[in-house]
Amino acid sequence: MLRRAITPPRLESVGEPFISYDRRCHLPGSEKRLESADRELLDVTRLLKTSAPSQQRDQVALFLMMSYAEKLSPGSIDRGSHK
């Protein structure tokens, strides 16, 4: 199996799904943005499965988990930090 590296541009875009899910209640017409975020999550998930172990891959995995948490339970990450 060919392993692909997680390149810096991909690393920078991995936070976009989280921001899209976090802001969905505040931005009108966010449906297209959420569809894009869903596609990005799937793409990054596939990339993680084929990438070589590295610190960057671990960072991407953490951002991915935060994005999934925000998608499944909107506002939960913010609410948890204000206790």
N, C-alpha and C. Protein backbone atom coordinates (compact mmCIF):
# COMPACT_ATOMS: atom_id res chain seq x y z
N MET A 1 0.84 -1.17 0.00
CA MET A 1 0.00 0.00 0.00
C MET A 1 0.89 1.24 0.00
N LEU A 2 0.59 2.15 -0.89
CA LEU A 2 1.33 3.40 -0.98
C LEU A 2 0.88 4.34 0.13
N ARG A 3 1.83 4.88 0.86
CA ARG A 3 1.50 5.82 1.93
C ARG A 3 1.76 7.23 1.46
N ARG A 4 0.79 8.09 1.67
CA ARG A 4 0.93 9.48 1.25
C ARG A 4 1.21 10.35 2.47
N ALA A 5 1.97 11.39 2.26
CA ALA A 5 2.28 12.33 3.33
C ALA A 5 1.17 13.37 3.42
N ILE A 6 0.99 13.88 4.62
CA ILE A 6 0.05 14.98 4.81
C ILE A 6 0.84 16.26 4.60
N THR A 7 0.54 16.94 3.52
CA THR A 7 1.30 18.13 3.15
C THR A 7 0.81 19.35 3.92
N PRO A 8 1.64 20.37 4.08
CA PRO A 8 1.23 21.57 4.82
C PRO A 8 -0.07 22.21 4.33
N PRO A 9 -0.32 22.34 3.01
CA PRO A 9 -1.61 22.94 2.63
C PRO A 9 -2.80 22.13 3.15
N ARG A 10 -2.69 20.81 3.13
CA ARG A 10 -3.76 19.96 3.64
C ARG A 10 -3.89 20.14 5.15
N LEU A 11 -2.77 20.26 5.82
CA LEU A 11 -2.78 20.45 7.26
C LEU A 11 -3.49 21.75 7.63
N GLU A 12 -3.28 22.80 6.84
CA GLU A 12 -3.92 24.08 7.12
C GLU A 12 -5.43 24.02 6.92
N SER A 13 -5.90 23.23 5.96
CA SER A 13 -7.32 23.20 5.66
C SER A 13 -8.11 22.26 6.56
N VAL A 14 -7.44 21.48 7.39
CA VAL A 14 -8.13 20.49 8.18
C VAL A 14 -9.01 21.12 9.26
N GLY A 15 -8.75 22.35 9.64
CA GLY A 15 -9.58 23.03 10.63
C GLY A 15 -10.85 23.62 10.06
N GLU A 16 -10.96 23.70 8.74
CA GLU A 16 -12.13 24.30 8.11
C GLU A 16 -13.44 23.59 8.44
N PRO A 17 -13.50 22.24 8.44
CA PRO A 17 -14.76 21.61 8.81
C PRO A 17 -15.22 21.99 10.22
N PHE A 18 -14.28 22.06 11.17
CA PHE A 18 -14.66 22.43 12.53
C PHE A 18 -15.27 23.83 12.56
N ILE A 19 -14.63 24.76 11.87
CA ILE A 19 -15.14 26.14 11.84
C ILE A 19 -16.52 26.19 11.18
N SER A 20 -16.70 25.43 10.11
CA SER A 20 -18.00 25.40 9.43
C SER A 20 -19.09 24.87 10.35
N TYR A 21 -18.79 23.78 11.07
CA TYR A 21 -19.79 23.22 11.99
C TYR A 21 -20.04 24.16 13.17
N ASP A 22 -19.00 24.80 13.65
CA ASP A 22 -19.12 25.70 14.80
C ASP A 22 -19.96 26.94 14.46
N ARG A 23 -19.85 27.44 13.24
CA ARG A 23 -20.52 28.67 12.84
C ARG A 23 -21.86 28.44 12.14
N ARG A 24 -22.29 27.20 12.02
CA ARG A 24 -23.49 26.91 11.21
C ARG A 24 -24.74 27.63 11.69
N CYS A 25 -24.86 27.88 12.96
CA CYS A 25 -26.06 28.55 13.49
C CYS A 25 -26.00 30.06 13.26
N HIS A 26 -24.82 30.59 13.01
CA HIS A 26 -24.65 32.03 12.92
C HIS A 26 -24.57 32.56 11.50
N LEU A 27 -24.39 31.67 10.53
CA LEU A 27 -24.24 32.11 9.14
C LEU A 27 -25.41 31.64 8.30
N PRO A 28 -26.09 32.58 7.64
CA PRO A 28 -27.21 32.17 6.77
C PRO A 28 -26.68 31.39 5.56
N GLY A 29 -27.49 30.46 5.09
CA GLY A 29 -27.11 29.69 3.91
C GLY A 29 -25.91 28.80 4.10
N SER A 30 -25.80 28.21 5.26
CA SER A 30 -24.60 27.41 5.56
C SER A 30 -24.69 25.98 5.03
N GLU A 31 -25.76 25.62 4.33
CA GLU A 31 -25.92 24.24 3.86
C GLU A 31 -24.78 23.82 2.93
N LYS A 32 -24.43 24.69 1.98
CA LYS A 32 -23.34 24.35 1.05
C LYS A 32 -22.01 24.25 1.79
N ARG A 33 -21.81 25.12 2.76
CA ARG A 33 -20.58 25.09 3.54
C ARG A 33 -20.49 23.78 4.33
N LEU A 34 -21.63 23.32 4.86
CA LEU A 34 -21.63 22.06 5.61
C LEU A 34 -21.41 20.86 4.69
N GLU A 35 -21.96 20.91 3.47
CA GLU A 35 -21.70 19.83 2.51
C GLU A 35 -20.21 19.76 2.19
N SER A 36 -19.60 20.91 2.02
CA SER A 36 -18.16 20.97 1.75
C SER A 36 -17.37 20.43 2.94
N ALA A 37 -17.80 20.79 4.14
CA ALA A 37 -17.13 20.30 5.36
C ALA A 37 -17.24 18.78 5.46
N ASP A 38 -18.41 18.24 5.13
CA ASP A 38 -18.58 16.79 5.16
C ASP A 38 -17.65 16.09 4.17
N ARG A 39 -17.54 16.66 2.96
CA ARG A 39 -16.62 16.08 1.96
C ARG A 39 -15.17 16.15 2.44
N GLU A 40 -14.81 17.28 3.05
CA GLU A 40 -13.43 17.44 3.55
C GLU A 40 -13.14 16.42 4.66
N LEU A 41 -14.10 16.18 5.54
CA LEU A 41 -13.90 15.18 6.60
C LEU A 41 -13.66 13.80 6.00
N LEU A 42 -14.44 13.44 4.99
CA LEU A 42 -14.24 12.14 4.35
C LEU A 42 -12.88 12.05 3.67
N ASP A 43 -12.51 13.11 2.96
CA ASP A 43 -11.21 13.12 2.28
C ASP A 43 -10.06 12.98 3.27
N VAL A 44 -10.13 13.74 4.36
CA VAL A 44 -9.04 13.70 5.34
C VAL A 44 -9.02 12.35 6.06
N THR A 45 -10.19 11.77 6.30
CA THR A 45 -10.25 10.45 6.93
C THR A 45 -9.56 9.42 6.04
N ARG A 46 -9.84 9.47 4.75
CA ARG A 46 -9.18 8.54 3.81
C ARG A 46 -7.67 8.78 3.78
N LEU A 47 -7.28 10.04 3.82
CA LEU A 47 -5.87 10.38 3.80
C LEU A 47 -5.15 9.85 5.05
N LEU A 48 -5.81 9.95 6.19
CA LEU A 48 -5.19 9.45 7.43
C LEU A 48 -4.97 7.95 7.38
N LYS A 49 -5.88 7.24 6.74
CA LYS A 49 -5.75 5.78 6.66
C LYS A 49 -4.54 5.35 5.85
N THR A 50 -4.12 6.20 4.91
CA THR A 50 -3.02 5.82 4.03
C THR A 50 -1.72 6.57 4.31
N SER A 51 -1.72 7.48 5.26
CA SER A 51 -0.51 8.27 5.51
C SER A 51 0.41 7.57 6.49
N ALA A 52 1.68 7.85 6.34
CA ALA A 52 2.68 7.28 7.23
C ALA A 52 2.58 7.92 8.62
N PRO A 53 2.89 7.18 9.68
CA PRO A 53 2.86 7.77 11.02
C PRO A 53 3.77 8.99 11.12
N SER A 54 3.25 10.04 11.73
CA SER A 54 4.04 11.26 11.93
C SER A 54 3.31 12.15 12.93
N GLN A 55 4.01 13.15 13.42
CA GLN A 55 3.39 14.10 14.33
C GLN A 55 2.29 14.89 13.61
N GLN A 56 2.52 15.23 12.35
CA GLN A 56 1.50 15.94 11.58
C GLN A 56 0.23 15.11 11.46
N ARG A 57 0.38 13.82 11.19
CA ARG A 57 -0.79 12.96 11.06
C ARG A 57 -1.57 12.94 12.37
N ASP A 58 -0.87 12.90 13.49
CA ASP A 58 -1.54 12.90 14.79
C ASP A 58 -2.29 14.20 15.02
N GLN A 59 -1.69 15.32 14.61
CA GLN A 59 -2.36 16.62 14.76
C GLN A 59 -3.62 16.67 13.91
N VAL A 60 -3.53 16.17 12.69
CA VAL A 60 -4.69 16.14 11.80
C VAL A 60 -5.79 15.27 12.41
N ALA A 61 -5.41 14.14 12.98
CA ALA A 61 -6.39 13.26 13.61
C ALA A 61 -7.13 13.96 14.75
N LEU A 62 -6.41 14.76 15.53
CA LEU A 62 -7.05 15.49 16.63
C LEU A 62 -8.04 16.54 16.10
N PHE A 63 -7.64 17.27 15.06
CA PHE A 63 -8.57 18.23 14.46
C PHE A 63 -9.79 17.52 13.89
N LEU A 64 -9.57 16.37 13.30
CA LEU A 64 -10.66 15.59 12.73
C LEU A 64 -11.64 15.17 13.82
N MET A 65 -11.13 14.71 14.95
CA MET A 65 -12.01 14.31 16.06
C MET A 65 -12.81 15.50 16.59
N MET A 66 -12.17 16.67 16.66
CA MET A 66 -12.90 17.86 17.11
C MET A 66 -14.01 18.22 16.13
N SER A 67 -13.74 18.08 14.84
CA SER A 67 -14.74 18.38 13.82
C SER A 67 -15.92 17.41 13.93
N TYR A 68 -15.63 16.12 14.09
CA TYR A 68 -16.70 15.14 14.24
C TYR A 68 -17.51 15.40 15.51
N ALA A 69 -16.86 15.77 16.60
CA ALA A 69 -17.58 16.07 17.84
C ALA A 69 -18.52 17.26 17.64
N GLU A 70 -18.05 18.29 16.96
CA GLU A 70 -18.88 19.47 16.71
C GLU A 70 -20.03 19.14 15.77
N LYS A 71 -19.79 18.25 14.82
CA LYS A 71 -20.84 17.85 13.88
C LYS A 71 -21.93 17.07 14.62
N LEU A 72 -21.52 16.15 15.47
CA LEU A 72 -22.49 15.29 16.17
C LEU A 72 -23.22 16.00 17.30
N SER A 73 -22.55 16.93 17.95
CA SER A 73 -23.14 17.64 19.09
C SER A 73 -22.78 19.12 19.00
N PRO A 74 -23.55 19.87 18.20
CA PRO A 74 -23.22 21.29 17.97
C PRO A 74 -23.05 22.08 19.27
N GLY A 75 -21.95 22.80 19.35
CA GLY A 75 -21.68 23.64 20.51
C GLY A 75 -21.06 22.93 21.69
N SER A 76 -20.89 21.63 21.61
CA SER A 76 -20.41 20.88 22.78
C SER A 76 -18.97 21.24 23.15
N ILE A 77 -18.15 21.55 22.21
CA ILE A 77 -16.76 21.88 22.54
C ILE A 77 -16.70 23.23 23.24
N ASP A 78 -17.44 24.21 22.75
CA ASP A 78 -17.47 25.51 23.42
C ASP A 78 -18.10 25.42 24.80
N ARG A 79 -19.21 24.71 24.90
CA ARG A 79 -19.89 24.59 26.20
C ARG A 79 -18.98 23.93 27.23
N GLY A 80 -18.22 22.93 26.80
CA GLY A 80 -17.34 22.20 27.71
C GLY A 80 -16.21 23.06 28.25
N SER A 81 -15.79 24.04 27.47
CA SER A 81 -14.66 24.87 27.90
C SER A 81 -15.07 26.01 28.81
N HIS A 82 -16.36 26.26 28.97
CA HIS A 82 -16.83 27.36 29.79
C HIS A 82 -17.36 26.92 31.15
N LYS A 83 -17.14 25.70 31.52
CA LYS A 83 -17.64 25.20 32.81
C LYS A 83 -16.77 25.68 33.93
